[in-house]
Amino acid sequence: MPLIIIIVLLSVLKYLEVGPLENFSWWWIALLFGIAFIWFEFGERIFGMDKRKAHEQMEKARQERVSKTFKKK
């Protein structure tokens, strides 16, 4: 996610021609977009990060249900 924030920030700064990004090529930003795409499409699956995040969310929801159930009694 930090990669996406950096890419968007660089894109906005390049579009507005702020500071040293004025002479920065759009190809570098396009390359970063490509790297982010490859990471989110393939990298997370290879390392199992997509499943881990889903498992953590399910576990958190389960813990919340359990704590709600026992607090009512």
Protein backbone atom coordinates (compact mmCIF):
# COMPACT_ATOMS: atom_id res chain seq x y z
CA MET A 1 0.00 0.00 0.00
CA PRO A 2 2.79 2.49 0.68
CA LEU A 3 3.95 1.90 -2.89
CA ILE A 4 0.58 3.04 -4.24
CA ILE A 5 0.65 6.17 -2.08
CA ILE A 6 4.14 7.03 -3.34
CA ILE A 7 3.13 6.49 -6.95
CA VAL A 8 0.04 8.67 -6.65
CA LEU A 9 2.02 11.37 -4.86
CA LEU A 10 4.73 11.32 -7.55
CA SER A 11 2.08 11.44 -10.27
CA VAL A 12 0.41 14.48 -8.75
CA LEU A 13 3.71 16.26 -8.22
CA LYS A 14 4.79 15.49 -11.78
CA TYR A 15 1.47 16.70 -13.18
CA LEU A 16 1.76 19.94 -11.23
CA GLU A 17 5.45 20.20 -12.23
CA VAL A 18 6.66 20.75 -8.68
CA GLY A 19 10.37 21.04 -7.93
CA PRO A 20 12.78 18.50 -9.34
CA LEU A 21 9.94 16.37 -10.70
CA GLU A 22 9.47 18.97 -13.40
CA ASN A 23 12.14 17.27 -15.52
CA PHE A 24 11.24 13.76 -14.36
CA SER A 25 10.10 11.44 -17.14
CA TRP A 26 6.58 9.97 -17.12
CA TRP A 27 8.16 6.63 -18.02
CA TRP A 28 9.56 6.27 -14.49
CA ILE A 29 6.12 6.75 -13.00
CA ALA A 30 4.64 4.31 -15.52
CA LEU A 31 7.37 1.83 -14.54
CA LEU A 32 6.36 2.18 -10.87
CA PHE A 33 2.73 1.56 -11.82
CA GLY A 34 3.86 -1.59 -13.65
CA ILE A 35 5.86 -2.79 -10.66
CA ALA A 36 2.90 -2.22 -8.35
CA PHE A 37 0.60 -4.11 -10.72
CA ILE A 38 2.97 -7.07 -10.92
CA TRP A 39 3.36 -7.10 -7.14
CA PHE A 40 -0.36 -7.05 -6.39
CA GLU A 41 -1.21 -9.56 -9.11
CA PHE A 42 1.57 -12.08 -8.61
CA GLY A 43 3.85 -11.22 -5.68
CA GLU A 44 1.22 -11.39 -2.98
CA ARG A 45 -0.08 -14.71 -4.29
CA ILE A 46 3.39 -16.22 -4.47
CA PHE A 47 4.18 -15.27 -0.87
CA GLY A 48 0.68 -16.10 0.40
CA MET A 49 0.04 -12.60 1.68
CA ASP A 50 -3.47 -12.46 0.22
CA LYS A 51 -4.59 -15.53 2.18
CA ARG A 52 -2.88 -14.34 5.35
CA LYS A 53 -4.72 -11.01 5.25
CA ALA A 54 -8.06 -12.74 4.71
CA HIS A 55 -7.33 -15.16 7.57
CA GLU A 56 -6.41 -12.29 9.91
CA GLN A 57 -9.66 -10.46 9.08
CA MET A 58 -11.73 -13.58 9.73
CA GLU A 59 -9.93 -14.20 13.02
CA LYS A 60 -10.52 -10.61 14.13
CA ALA A 61 -14.24 -10.88 13.32
CA ARG A 62 -14.43 -14.16 15.24
CA GLN A 63 -12.74 -12.62 18.28
CA GLU A 64 -15.20 -9.71 18.20
CA ARG A 65 -18.18 -12.11 18.07
CA VAL A 66 -16.81 -14.12 20.98
CA SER A 67 -16.18 -11.03 23.10
CA LYS A 68 -19.68 -9.67 22.36
CA THR A 69 -21.25 -12.99 23.30
CA PHE A 70 -19.49 -13.29 26.64
CA LYS A 71 -19.94 -9.63 27.61
CA LYS A 72 -23.73 -9.91 27.41
CA LYS A 73 -23.90 -12.70 29.99
